Amino acid sequence: MMTTSIFETGTPLDIAGVLANKDRRAAFQREALRADPHQTLLAIKLNIPGPIKNNAAITQLFKRGVHEFRAALAANGIAVEQLASWGTVAGNELFLRTTTAAATVKQLAATFEDTTDLGRIFDVDVLDGTGHSWSRTELGAEARRCFICNRPAKECARSRRHSVADLQAYIDDMYHKTFDPEEGMTRDDH
């Protein structure tokens, strides 16, 4: 039995909407850091290809991944406070803060992004009190890898090596394996 794509529902977002959401995120981050510059800020979102950035299934993926990431933080003794979260047509976002050093948090975020199934589609930005967004390469970690071919993700994005449909199919499969394991096995066997 073939399932429908999780991308068949949702409100398409145009580039103006993407940019407006980016501005909203940046403004929130500036204000959060201004209010408490001695803490580390985490901004968590999904990397979703195509015009559909949010719907019930994508929200399920986000919530499950956030749960896994927060469990990893707790397992490593990192206490966090939730500042805000929102789910709009532009996607789901969560903002946390912690007293743990930004470099430590970014290292754990990179591990989550690289080594967990759901982490592959997450983007965890870590900012220190000065507003500096820590990169994985600053910590000696590899650049993000493409979840389809394992090349550097920026290289694939820049060259548009994979179609939006192929990227969405990967996320579709992830969704069905996560929330409907029997269907995921059926899809894998074909």
N, C-alpha and C. Protein backbone atom coordinates (compact mmCIF):
# COMPACT_ATOMS: atom_id res chain seq x y z
N MET A 1 0.84 -1.18 0.00
CA MET A 1 0.00 0.00 0.00
C MET A 1 0.88 1.24 0.00
N MET A 2 0.67 2.13 -0.94
CA MET A 2 1.46 3.35 -1.04
C MET A 2 0.74 4.47 -0.30
N THR A 3 1.47 5.20 0.49
CA THR A 3 0.88 6.31 1.22
C THR A 3 1.02 7.59 0.41
N THR A 4 0.25 8.58 0.82
CA THR A 4 0.36 9.88 0.16
C THR A 4 1.51 10.66 0.78
N SER A 5 1.99 11.62 0.05
CA SER A 5 3.08 12.46 0.52
C SER A 5 2.60 13.38 1.63
N ILE A 6 3.45 13.59 2.62
CA ILE A 6 3.10 14.54 3.67
C ILE A 6 3.08 15.97 3.13
N PHE A 7 3.60 16.18 1.95
CA PHE A 7 3.65 17.52 1.36
C PHE A 7 2.42 17.85 0.53
N GLU A 8 1.41 16.98 0.56
CA GLU A 8 0.18 17.23 -0.20
C GLU A 8 -0.74 18.20 0.52
N THR A 9 -0.50 18.47 1.79
CA THR A 9 -1.31 19.43 2.53
C THR A 9 -0.41 20.54 3.05
N GLY A 10 -1.03 21.67 3.32
CA GLY A 10 -0.29 22.82 3.84
C GLY A 10 -0.43 24.01 2.91
N THR A 11 -0.08 25.16 3.42
CA THR A 11 -0.16 26.39 2.66
C THR A 11 1.20 26.70 2.05
N PRO A 12 1.28 26.83 0.73
CA PRO A 12 2.57 27.15 0.11
C PRO A 12 3.09 28.51 0.57
N LEU A 13 4.37 28.59 0.74
CA LEU A 13 5.03 29.83 1.18
C LEU A 13 5.91 30.34 0.06
N ASP A 14 5.81 31.63 -0.22
CA ASP A 14 6.66 32.22 -1.25
C ASP A 14 7.92 32.81 -0.61
N ILE A 15 8.83 33.30 -1.43
CA ILE A 15 10.11 33.80 -0.93
C ILE A 15 9.91 34.98 0.02
N ALA A 16 8.90 35.81 -0.24
CA ALA A 16 8.63 36.95 0.66
C ALA A 16 8.27 36.45 2.06
N GLY A 17 7.50 35.37 2.14
CA GLY A 17 7.15 34.79 3.43
C GLY A 17 8.34 34.20 4.14
N VAL A 18 9.22 33.55 3.38
CA VAL A 18 10.45 32.98 3.96
C VAL A 18 11.30 34.10 4.54
N LEU A 19 11.46 35.19 3.78
CA LEU A 19 12.28 36.31 4.24
C LEU A 19 11.66 37.02 5.44
N ALA A 20 10.34 37.17 5.44
CA ALA A 20 9.66 37.80 6.58
C ALA A 20 9.87 36.97 7.84
N ASN A 21 9.80 35.64 7.72
CA ASN A 21 10.02 34.77 8.87
C ASN A 21 11.47 34.87 9.36
N LYS A 22 12.40 34.95 8.43
CA LYS A 22 13.82 35.10 8.80
C LYS A 22 14.02 36.40 9.58
N ASP A 23 13.37 37.47 9.14
CA ASP A 23 13.46 38.75 9.85
C ASP A 23 12.85 38.64 11.24
N ARG A 24 11.71 37.96 11.35
CA ARG A 24 11.05 37.79 12.65
C ARG A 24 11.97 37.02 13.60
N ARG A 25 12.59 35.95 13.11
CA ARG A 25 13.51 35.15 13.92
C ARG A 25 14.69 36.00 14.39
N ALA A 26 15.29 36.75 13.47
CA ALA A 26 16.45 37.58 13.82
C ALA A 26 16.08 38.63 14.86
N ALA A 27 14.91 39.25 14.72
CA ALA A 27 14.47 40.26 15.69
C ALA A 27 14.27 39.63 17.06
N PHE A 28 13.65 38.45 17.09
CA PHE A 28 13.45 37.77 18.37
C PHE A 28 14.79 37.43 19.01
N GLN A 29 15.72 36.93 18.23
CA GLN A 29 17.03 36.56 18.76
C GLN A 29 17.75 37.79 19.32
N ARG A 30 17.72 38.90 18.59
CA ARG A 30 18.37 40.13 19.08
C ARG A 30 17.78 40.55 20.41
N GLU A 31 16.46 40.53 20.51
CA GLU A 31 15.79 40.94 21.75
C GLU A 31 16.11 39.99 22.90
N ALA A 32 16.10 38.69 22.63
CA ALA A 32 16.40 37.71 23.68
C ALA A 32 17.83 37.88 24.19
N LEU A 33 18.76 38.12 23.29
CA LEU A 33 20.16 38.31 23.70
C LEU A 33 20.37 39.64 24.40
N ARG A 34 19.64 40.67 23.98
CA ARG A 34 19.74 41.96 24.64
C ARG A 34 19.22 41.85 26.07
N ALA A 35 18.13 41.11 26.25
CA ALA A 35 17.51 40.96 27.57
C ALA A 35 18.39 40.16 28.53
N ASP A 36 19.17 39.23 28.01
CA ASP A 36 20.02 38.40 28.87
C ASP A 36 21.26 37.97 28.11
N PRO A 37 22.27 38.86 28.02
CA PRO A 37 23.46 38.58 27.21
C PRO A 37 24.42 37.57 27.83
N HIS A 38 24.12 37.09 29.03
CA HIS A 38 25.03 36.14 29.69
C HIS A 38 24.63 34.69 29.45
N GLN A 39 23.63 34.48 28.63
CA GLN A 39 23.17 33.13 28.36
C GLN A 39 23.38 32.76 26.90
N THR A 40 23.31 31.48 26.64
CA THR A 40 23.41 30.94 25.28
C THR A 40 22.00 30.76 24.75
N LEU A 41 21.78 31.16 23.51
CA LEU A 41 20.47 31.05 22.87
C LEU A 41 20.49 29.94 21.83
N LEU A 42 19.47 29.10 21.85
CA LEU A 42 19.31 28.05 20.84
C LEU A 42 18.07 28.37 20.02
N ALA A 43 18.21 28.36 18.71
CA ALA A 43 17.09 28.57 17.79
C ALA A 43 16.97 27.30 16.96
N ILE A 44 15.85 26.61 17.09
CA ILE A 44 15.68 25.28 16.51
C ILE A 44 14.57 25.32 15.47
N LYS A 45 14.88 24.80 14.28
CA LYS A 45 13.88 24.73 13.21
C LYS A 45 14.20 23.53 12.32
N LEU A 46 13.34 23.29 11.35
CA LEU A 46 13.54 22.21 10.39
C LEU A 46 14.02 22.78 9.06
N ASN A 47 14.79 22.01 8.33
CA ASN A 47 15.15 22.32 6.95
C ASN A 47 14.17 21.57 6.06
N ILE A 48 13.17 22.28 5.56
CA ILE A 48 12.12 21.67 4.75
C ILE A 48 12.18 22.24 3.34
N PRO A 49 12.45 21.40 2.34
CA PRO A 49 12.54 21.88 0.96
C PRO A 49 11.15 22.11 0.36
N GLY A 50 11.08 23.05 -0.56
CA GLY A 50 9.84 23.29 -1.28
C GLY A 50 8.96 24.33 -0.62
N PRO A 51 7.81 24.60 -1.22
CA PRO A 51 6.93 25.68 -0.74
C PRO A 51 6.10 25.33 0.48
N ILE A 52 5.89 24.04 0.76
CA ILE A 52 5.13 23.63 1.95
C ILE A 52 6.13 23.46 3.09
N LYS A 53 6.06 24.36 4.07
CA LYS A 53 7.00 24.35 5.19
C LYS A 53 6.39 23.81 6.48
N ASN A 54 5.05 23.71 6.51
CA ASN A 54 4.42 23.26 7.74
C ASN A 54 3.04 22.67 7.45
N ASN A 55 2.73 21.65 8.22
CA ASN A 55 1.41 21.01 8.26
C ASN A 55 1.44 20.07 9.46
N ALA A 56 0.39 19.30 9.65
CA ALA A 56 0.31 18.44 10.84
C ALA A 56 1.46 17.42 10.88
N ALA A 57 1.80 16.83 9.75
CA ALA A 57 2.86 15.81 9.73
C ALA A 57 4.23 16.44 10.01
N ILE A 58 4.50 17.59 9.42
CA ILE A 58 5.78 18.26 9.65
C ILE A 58 5.88 18.68 11.12
N THR A 59 4.76 19.12 11.69
CA THR A 59 4.75 19.47 13.11
C THR A 59 5.05 18.25 13.97
N GLN A 60 4.53 17.08 13.59
CA GLN A 60 4.85 15.84 14.32
C GLN A 60 6.35 15.56 14.28
N LEU A 61 6.96 15.69 13.11
CA LEU A 61 8.41 15.49 12.99
C LEU A 61 9.16 16.46 13.88
N PHE A 62 8.73 17.72 13.87
CA PHE A 62 9.39 18.74 14.68
C PHE A 62 9.30 18.39 16.17
N LYS A 63 8.10 18.07 16.63
CA LYS A 63 7.91 17.75 18.06
C LYS A 63 8.73 16.54 18.48
N ARG A 64 8.75 15.51 17.64
CA ARG A 64 9.52 14.30 17.98
C ARG A 64 11.02 14.63 18.04
N GLY A 65 11.52 15.36 17.06
CA GLY A 65 12.93 15.73 17.04
C GLY A 65 13.31 16.62 18.21
N VAL A 66 12.45 17.58 18.54
CA VAL A 66 12.72 18.45 19.70
C VAL A 66 12.77 17.61 20.97
N HIS A 67 11.85 16.66 21.09
CA HIS A 67 11.86 15.77 22.26
C HIS A 67 13.20 15.03 22.35
N GLU A 68 13.66 14.49 21.23
CA GLU A 68 14.94 13.76 21.21
C GLU A 68 16.11 14.69 21.55
N PHE A 69 16.10 15.90 21.00
CA PHE A 69 17.20 16.83 21.26
C PHE A 69 17.19 17.28 22.72
N ARG A 70 16.02 17.58 23.26
CA ARG A 70 15.96 17.99 24.67
C ARG A 70 16.40 16.84 25.59
N ALA A 71 16.09 15.61 25.22
CA ALA A 71 16.56 14.46 26.00
C ALA A 71 18.08 14.38 25.95
N ALA A 72 18.67 14.65 24.79
CA ALA A 72 20.14 14.65 24.67
C ALA A 72 20.75 15.75 25.52
N LEU A 73 20.13 16.92 25.52
CA LEU A 73 20.62 18.02 26.37
C LEU A 73 20.59 17.59 27.84
N ALA A 74 19.45 17.06 28.28
CA ALA A 74 19.31 16.64 29.67
C ALA A 74 20.30 15.54 30.03
N ALA A 75 20.50 14.59 29.12
CA ALA A 75 21.44 13.49 29.38
C ALA A 75 22.87 13.99 29.54
N ASN A 76 23.14 15.16 28.97
CA ASN A 76 24.47 15.76 29.08
C ASN A 76 24.53 16.86 30.13
N GLY A 77 23.51 16.91 30.99
CA GLY A 77 23.50 17.85 32.10
C GLY A 77 23.27 19.29 31.70
N ILE A 78 22.66 19.51 30.54
CA ILE A 78 22.42 20.88 30.07
C ILE A 78 20.96 21.24 30.33
N ALA A 79 20.76 22.14 31.28
CA ALA A 79 19.42 22.61 31.60
C ALA A 79 19.07 23.75 30.66
N VAL A 80 17.84 23.75 30.16
CA VAL A 80 17.39 24.80 29.25
C VAL A 80 16.07 25.38 29.74
N GLU A 81 15.84 26.61 29.33
CA GLU A 81 14.57 27.28 29.59
C GLU A 81 13.97 27.64 28.24
N GLN A 82 12.69 27.34 28.07
CA GLN A 82 12.02 27.68 26.82
C GLN A 82 11.62 29.15 26.84
N LEU A 83 12.03 29.88 25.81
CA LEU A 83 11.68 31.30 25.70
C LEU A 83 10.44 31.50 24.84
N ALA A 84 10.37 30.80 23.73
CA ALA A 84 9.24 30.97 22.81
C ALA A 84 9.21 29.81 21.83
N SER A 85 8.04 29.61 21.26
CA SER A 85 7.91 28.67 20.15
C SER A 85 6.75 29.15 19.30
N TRP A 86 6.84 28.86 18.02
CA TRP A 86 5.72 29.18 17.15
C TRP A 86 5.68 28.22 15.98
N GLY A 87 4.48 28.05 15.49
CA GLY A 87 4.27 27.25 14.29
C GLY A 87 3.43 28.09 13.33
N THR A 88 4.01 28.44 12.22
CA THR A 88 3.32 29.25 11.21
C THR A 88 3.45 28.53 9.87
N VAL A 89 2.90 29.11 8.81
CA VAL A 89 3.06 28.50 7.49
C VAL A 89 4.53 28.44 7.11
N ALA A 90 5.37 29.26 7.76
CA ALA A 90 6.81 29.27 7.48
C ALA A 90 7.54 28.15 8.23
N GLY A 91 6.85 27.45 9.11
CA GLY A 91 7.48 26.35 9.83
C GLY A 91 7.37 26.50 11.33
N ASN A 92 7.90 25.50 12.02
CA ASN A 92 7.92 25.48 13.48
C ASN A 92 9.28 25.96 13.95
N GLU A 93 9.28 26.73 15.03
CA GLU A 93 10.53 27.19 15.61
C GLU A 93 10.43 27.15 17.12
N LEU A 94 11.55 26.89 17.75
CA LEU A 94 11.64 26.83 19.20
C LEU A 94 12.89 27.57 19.63
N PHE A 95 12.76 28.37 20.67
CA PHE A 95 13.89 29.13 21.21
C PHE A 95 14.09 28.75 22.67
N LEU A 96 15.30 28.32 22.96
CA LEU A 96 15.68 27.93 24.31
C LEU A 96 16.88 28.76 24.74
N ARG A 97 17.08 28.85 26.06
CA ARG A 97 18.33 29.45 26.53
C ARG A 97 18.89 28.60 27.66
N THR A 98 20.20 28.75 27.84
CA THR A 98 20.90 27.98 28.84
C THR A 98 22.11 28.77 29.33
N THR A 99 22.61 28.39 30.49
CA THR A 99 23.84 29.01 31.00
C THR A 99 25.06 28.25 30.52
N THR A 100 24.87 27.13 29.85
CA THR A 100 25.99 26.33 29.33
C THR A 100 26.66 27.08 28.19
N ALA A 101 27.98 26.97 28.11
CA ALA A 101 28.75 27.67 27.08
C ALA A 101 28.27 27.29 25.68
N ALA A 102 28.24 28.28 24.80
CA ALA A 102 27.75 28.08 23.43
C ALA A 102 28.52 26.98 22.70
N ALA A 103 29.83 26.93 22.87
CA ALA A 103 30.63 25.91 22.17
C ALA A 103 30.21 24.51 22.58
N THR A 104 29.92 24.31 23.86
CA THR A 104 29.49 23.00 24.36
C THR A 104 28.14 22.63 23.76
N VAL A 105 27.23 23.59 23.73
CA VAL A 105 25.89 23.34 23.20
C VAL A 105 25.95 23.06 21.70
N LYS A 106 26.77 23.83 20.96
CA LYS A 106 26.87 23.64 19.51
C LYS A 106 27.45 22.27 19.20
N GLN A 107 28.41 21.82 19.99
CA GLN A 107 28.98 20.49 19.76
C GLN A 107 27.90 19.42 19.89
N LEU A 108 27.07 19.54 20.92
CA LEU A 108 25.99 18.57 21.11
C LEU A 108 24.95 18.70 19.98
N ALA A 109 24.66 19.93 19.57
CA ALA A 109 23.72 20.15 18.47
C ALA A 109 24.23 19.51 17.18
N ALA A 110 25.52 19.67 16.90
CA ALA A 110 26.10 19.08 15.69
C ALA A 110 26.03 17.56 15.75
N THR A 111 26.27 17.00 16.91
CA THR A 111 26.17 15.55 17.08
C THR A 111 24.73 15.09 16.81
N PHE A 112 23.76 15.81 17.36
CA PHE A 112 22.35 15.49 17.12
C PHE A 112 22.02 15.57 15.63
N GLU A 113 22.44 16.64 14.97
CA GLU A 113 22.15 16.83 13.55
C GLU A 113 22.81 15.75 12.68
N ASP A 114 23.97 15.28 13.09
CA ASP A 114 24.74 14.34 12.27
C ASP A 114 24.43 12.87 12.53
N THR A 115 24.00 12.55 13.75
CA THR A 115 23.95 11.13 14.12
C THR A 115 22.56 10.58 14.40
N THR A 116 21.54 11.42 14.36
CA THR A 116 20.19 10.91 14.57
C THR A 116 19.39 11.07 13.28
N ASP A 117 18.46 10.18 13.05
CA ASP A 117 17.66 10.25 11.83
C ASP A 117 16.95 11.59 11.71
N LEU A 118 16.22 11.99 12.75
CA LEU A 118 15.50 13.25 12.68
C LEU A 118 16.45 14.44 12.69
N GLY A 119 17.56 14.32 13.37
CA GLY A 119 18.53 15.41 13.42
C GLY A 119 19.02 15.85 12.06
N ARG A 120 18.99 14.94 11.10
CA ARG A 120 19.47 15.27 9.74
C ARG A 120 18.66 16.40 9.12
N ILE A 121 17.38 16.54 9.50
CA ILE A 121 16.56 17.60 8.90
C ILE A 121 16.40 18.81 9.83
N PHE A 122 17.05 18.78 10.98
CA PHE A 122 16.98 19.89 11.93
C PHE A 122 18.11 20.87 11.72
N ASP A 123 17.84 22.11 12.09
CA ASP A 123 18.85 23.15 12.10
C ASP A 123 18.82 23.76 13.49
N VAL A 124 19.89 23.53 14.26
CA VAL A 124 19.99 24.08 15.61
C VAL A 124 21.06 25.15 15.59
N ASP A 125 20.61 26.40 15.60
CA ASP A 125 21.55 27.52 15.66
C ASP A 125 21.84 27.82 17.13
N VAL A 126 23.10 28.07 17.43
CA VAL A 126 23.53 28.35 18.80
C VAL A 126 24.25 29.69 18.79
N LEU A 127 23.72 30.63 19.56
CA LEU A 127 24.28 31.98 19.62
C LEU A 127 24.77 32.27 21.03
N ASP A 128 25.96 32.88 21.12
CA ASP A 128 26.44 33.30 22.43
C ASP A 128 25.87 34.69 22.74
N GLY A 129 26.19 35.20 23.91
CA GLY A 129 25.64 36.47 24.36
C GLY A 129 25.98 37.67 23.50
N THR A 130 27.01 37.56 22.67
CA THR A 130 27.36 38.67 21.77
C THR A 130 26.56 38.61 20.48
N GLY A 131 25.79 37.55 20.29
CA GLY A 131 25.04 37.37 19.06
C GLY A 131 25.78 36.55 18.02
N HIS A 132 26.98 36.09 18.37
CA HIS A 132 27.77 35.27 17.45
C HIS A 132 27.11 33.90 17.30
N SER A 133 26.82 33.51 16.07
CA SER A 133 26.25 32.20 15.78
C SER A 133 27.40 31.22 15.57
N TRP A 134 27.51 30.26 16.45
CA TRP A 134 28.60 29.30 16.40
C TRP A 134 28.42 28.33 15.23
N SER A 135 29.49 28.11 14.51
CA SER A 135 29.43 27.16 13.40
C SER A 135 30.11 25.86 13.82
N ARG A 136 29.71 24.81 13.20
CA ARG A 136 30.30 23.50 13.50
C ARG A 136 31.78 23.48 13.12
N THR A 137 32.16 24.21 12.07
CA THR A 137 33.57 24.20 11.65
C THR A 137 34.46 24.91 12.66
N GLU A 138 33.91 25.88 13.40
CA GLU A 138 34.68 26.53 14.47
C GLU A 138 35.09 25.53 15.54
N LEU A 139 34.31 24.49 15.67
CA LEU A 139 34.57 23.47 16.69
C LEU A 139 35.34 22.29 16.14
N GLY A 140 35.74 22.38 14.88
CA GLY A 140 36.48 21.29 14.25
C GLY A 140 35.60 20.19 13.72
N ALA A 141 34.29 20.41 13.71
CA ALA A 141 33.37 19.40 13.18
C ALA A 141 33.25 19.58 11.67
N GLU A 142 32.87 18.52 10.99
CA GLU A 142 32.66 18.56 9.55
C GLU A 142 31.47 19.44 9.20
N ALA A 143 31.49 19.99 8.01
CA ALA A 143 30.33 20.71 7.50
C ALA A 143 29.17 19.72 7.38
N ARG A 144 27.94 20.24 7.41
CA ARG A 144 26.77 19.36 7.28
C ARG A 144 26.84 18.58 6.00
N ARG A 145 26.32 17.35 6.06
CA ARG A 145 26.30 16.46 4.90
C ARG A 145 24.88 16.40 4.34
N CYS A 146 24.80 16.26 3.05
CA CYS A 146 23.52 16.09 2.37
C CYS A 146 22.88 14.79 2.84
N PHE A 147 21.59 14.82 3.13
CA PHE A 147 20.96 13.59 3.61
C PHE A 147 20.64 12.62 2.49
N ILE A 148 20.83 13.01 1.25
CA ILE A 148 20.62 12.08 0.14
C ILE A 148 21.92 11.42 -0.30
N CYS A 149 22.96 12.23 -0.56
CA CYS A 149 24.19 11.66 -1.14
C CYS A 149 25.41 11.76 -0.23
N ASN A 150 25.28 12.42 0.90
CA ASN A 150 26.34 12.55 1.90
C ASN A 150 27.49 13.47 1.47
N ARG A 151 27.34 14.20 0.37
CA ARG A 151 28.32 15.24 0.02
C ARG A 151 28.09 16.43 0.96
N PRO A 152 28.97 17.42 0.95
CA PRO A 152 28.69 18.63 1.74
C PRO A 152 27.34 19.23 1.32
N ALA A 153 26.48 19.48 2.29
CA ALA A 153 25.11 19.93 2.01
C ALA A 153 25.09 21.25 1.24
N LYS A 154 25.98 22.17 1.59
CA LYS A 154 25.99 23.47 0.89
C LYS A 154 26.32 23.28 -0.59
N GLU A 155 27.19 22.33 -0.89
CA GLU A 155 27.55 22.05 -2.29
C GLU A 155 26.31 21.58 -3.07
N CYS A 156 25.56 20.67 -2.46
CA CYS A 156 24.36 20.16 -3.13
C CYS A 156 23.30 21.24 -3.26
N ALA A 157 23.14 22.06 -2.23
CA ALA A 157 22.14 23.13 -2.28
C ALA A 157 22.51 24.15 -3.35
N ARG A 158 23.77 24.54 -3.38
CA ARG A 158 24.23 25.55 -4.34
C ARG A 158 24.03 25.08 -5.78
N SER A 159 24.36 23.82 -6.04
CA SER A 159 24.27 23.30 -7.41
C SER A 159 22.89 22.72 -7.74
N ARG A 160 22.01 22.68 -6.75
CA ARG A 160 20.67 22.08 -6.90
C ARG A 160 20.79 20.66 -7.45
N ARG A 161 21.71 19.93 -6.85
CA ARG A 161 22.01 18.56 -7.27
C ARG A 161 20.78 17.65 -7.17
N HIS A 162 19.93 17.89 -6.19
CA HIS A 162 18.75 17.04 -5.98
C HIS A 162 17.49 17.87 -6.18
N SER A 163 16.48 17.25 -6.74
CA SER A 163 15.21 17.95 -6.95
C SER A 163 14.48 18.11 -5.62
N VAL A 164 13.59 19.08 -5.57
CA VAL A 164 12.75 19.26 -4.39
C VAL A 164 11.98 17.97 -4.14
N ALA A 165 11.49 17.33 -5.20
CA ALA A 165 10.73 16.07 -5.05
C ALA A 165 11.58 14.99 -4.39
N ASP A 166 12.86 14.88 -4.75
CA ASP A 166 13.74 13.88 -4.13
C ASP A 166 13.98 14.19 -2.66
N LEU A 167 14.19 15.46 -2.35
CA LEU A 167 14.40 15.86 -0.95
C LEU A 167 13.14 15.61 -0.13
N GLN A 168 11.99 15.94 -0.70
CA GLN A 168 10.73 15.69 0.00
C GLN A 168 10.48 14.19 0.18
N ALA A 169 10.86 13.38 -0.80
CA ALA A 169 10.69 11.93 -0.69
C ALA A 169 11.49 11.39 0.49
N TYR A 170 12.69 11.92 0.70
CA TYR A 170 13.50 11.51 1.85
C TYR A 170 12.76 11.82 3.15
N ILE A 171 12.20 13.02 3.25
CA ILE A 171 11.49 13.42 4.46
C ILE A 171 10.19 12.62 4.61
N ASP A 172 9.51 12.36 3.50
CA ASP A 172 8.33 11.49 3.51
C ASP A 172 8.67 10.12 4.12
N ASP A 173 9.74 9.52 3.61
CA ASP A 173 10.15 8.21 4.12
C ASP A 173 10.47 8.28 5.61
N MET A 174 11.16 9.34 6.02
CA MET A 174 11.49 9.51 7.43
C MET A 174 10.22 9.59 8.27
N TYR A 175 9.26 10.35 7.79
CA TYR A 175 8.00 10.48 8.52
C TYR A 175 7.33 9.11 8.68
N HIS A 176 7.20 8.38 7.59
CA HIS A 176 6.51 7.09 7.65
C HIS A 176 7.27 6.06 8.47
N LYS A 177 8.58 6.09 8.44
CA LYS A 177 9.37 5.17 9.28
C LYS A 177 9.23 5.53 10.75
N THR A 178 9.08 6.82 11.04
CA THR A 178 8.98 7.28 12.42
C THR A 178 7.59 7.05 13.00
N PHE A 179 6.56 7.35 12.22
CA PHE A 179 5.20 7.33 12.76
C PHE A 179 4.34 6.19 12.26
N ASP A 180 4.79 5.46 11.27
CA ASP A 180 4.06 4.31 10.75
C ASP A 180 5.08 3.26 10.33
N PRO A 181 5.75 2.64 11.32
CA PRO A 181 6.86 1.73 11.00
C PRO A 181 6.49 0.61 10.04
N GLU A 182 5.27 0.08 10.13
CA GLU A 182 4.89 -1.00 9.20
C GLU A 182 4.88 -0.48 7.77
N GLU A 183 4.35 0.72 7.57
CA GLU A 183 4.32 1.31 6.23
C GLU A 183 5.74 1.59 5.77
N GLY A 184 6.59 2.08 6.69
CA GLY A 184 7.98 2.35 6.34
C GLY A 184 8.68 1.09 5.86
N MET A 185 8.41 -0.04 6.51
CA MET A 185 9.03 -1.30 6.09
C MET A 185 8.49 -1.71 4.72
N THR A 186 7.19 -1.52 4.51
CA THR A 186 6.60 -1.87 3.23
C THR A 186 7.23 -1.03 2.12
N ARG A 187 7.40 0.25 2.36
CA ARG A 187 7.97 1.15 1.35
C ARG A 187 9.42 0.76 1.07
N ASP A 188 10.15 0.36 2.09
CA ASP A 188 11.56 -0.01 1.90
C ASP A 188 11.71 -1.30 1.11
N ASP A 189 10.73 -2.19 1.22
CA ASP A 189 10.83 -3.49 0.57
C ASP A 189 10.57 -3.41 -0.93
N HIS A 190 10.03 -2.32 -1.41
CA HIS A 190 9.71 -2.19 -2.84
C HIS A 190 10.86 -1.62 -3.61
